Amino acid sequence: MHSQEDFHSAATPEFLAFLEDEVHQEPKPLTRAPIQGWIQVAFWGLRIYIAVMLIMVAIGFARGIH
């Protein structure tokens, strides 16, 4: 187990050099990954499932009101 002093020690020169390099970099833009094949089919299946479930809930709610 580490002693209490290990967690409060000063930063090493290597870490400070790394931090200096990283601080001045611009973030890279995020792009969407292309979705192809069976993953696209699975997503369409989920969309259809959600639409059917919403319709079933609406029917159940409408019948429950009467």
Protein backbone atom coordinates (compact mmCIF):
# COMPACT_ATOMS: atom_id res chain seq x y z
CA MET A 1 0.00 0.00 0.00
CA HIS A 2 1.19 3.51 -0.72
CA SER A 3 1.98 5.83 2.10
CA GLN A 4 0.14 9.13 2.42
CA GLU A 5 3.22 11.01 1.18
CA ASP A 6 3.12 9.27 -2.23
CA PHE A 7 -0.21 10.87 -3.10
CA HIS A 8 0.93 14.40 -2.29
CA SER A 9 4.38 14.35 -3.88
CA ALA A 10 5.46 16.99 -6.38
CA ALA A 11 4.93 16.49 -10.10
CA THR A 12 7.86 14.99 -11.99
CA PRO A 13 9.60 16.93 -14.77
CA GLU A 14 8.41 14.33 -17.30
CA PHE A 15 4.79 14.87 -16.29
CA LEU A 16 5.17 18.65 -16.46
CA ALA A 17 6.66 18.37 -19.98
CA PHE A 18 3.79 16.09 -21.02
CA LEU A 19 1.23 18.49 -19.53
CA GLU A 20 2.81 21.46 -21.29
CA ASP A 21 2.56 19.65 -24.65
CA GLU A 22 -1.06 18.58 -24.11
CA VAL A 23 -2.42 21.89 -22.84
CA HIS A 24 -1.63 23.79 -26.03
CA GLN A 25 -3.16 21.30 -28.45
CA GLU A 26 -6.50 21.94 -30.11
CA PRO A 27 -9.12 19.21 -29.72
CA LYS A 28 -9.73 17.11 -32.80
CA PRO A 29 -13.18 17.45 -34.39
CA LEU A 30 -15.53 14.55 -33.80
CA THR A 31 -16.99 12.74 -36.77
CA ARG A 32 -19.61 10.02 -37.00
CA ALA A 33 -18.49 6.55 -37.86
CA PRO A 34 -20.25 5.07 -40.89
CA ILE A 35 -22.89 2.51 -39.91
CA GLN A 36 -23.09 -0.37 -42.34
CA GLY A 37 -24.33 -3.90 -42.68
CA TRP A 38 -26.09 -5.73 -39.86
CA ILE A 39 -25.62 -2.80 -37.46
CA GLN A 40 -27.79 -0.62 -39.67
CA VAL A 41 -30.41 -3.39 -39.82
CA ALA A 42 -30.33 -3.69 -36.02
CA PHE A 43 -30.87 0.07 -35.60
CA TRP A 44 -33.82 0.02 -38.00
CA GLY A 45 -35.22 -2.95 -36.07
CA LEU A 46 -34.95 -0.97 -32.83
CA ARG A 47 -36.73 2.00 -34.40
CA ILE A 48 -39.57 -0.24 -35.59
CA TYR A 49 -39.77 -1.93 -32.16
CA ILE A 50 -40.00 1.44 -30.39
CA ALA A 51 -42.70 2.65 -32.79
CA VAL A 52 -44.76 -0.54 -32.26
CA MET A 53 -44.38 -0.27 -28.46
CA LEU A 54 -45.50 3.36 -28.51
CA ILE A 55 -48.58 2.39 -30.55
CA MET A 56 -49.36 -0.44 -28.12
CA VAL A 57 -49.03 1.89 -25.12
CA ALA A 58 -51.29 4.44 -26.81
CA ILE A 59 -53.92 1.75 -27.53
CA GLY A 60 -53.71 0.45 -23.96
CA PHE A 61 -54.00 3.96 -22.56
CA ALA A 62 -56.96 4.78 -24.82
CA ARG A 63 -58.80 1.60 -23.78
CA GLY A 64 -58.04 2.24 -20.12
CA ILE A 65 -59.70 5.65 -20.18
CA HIS A 66 -63.11 4.26 -21.21
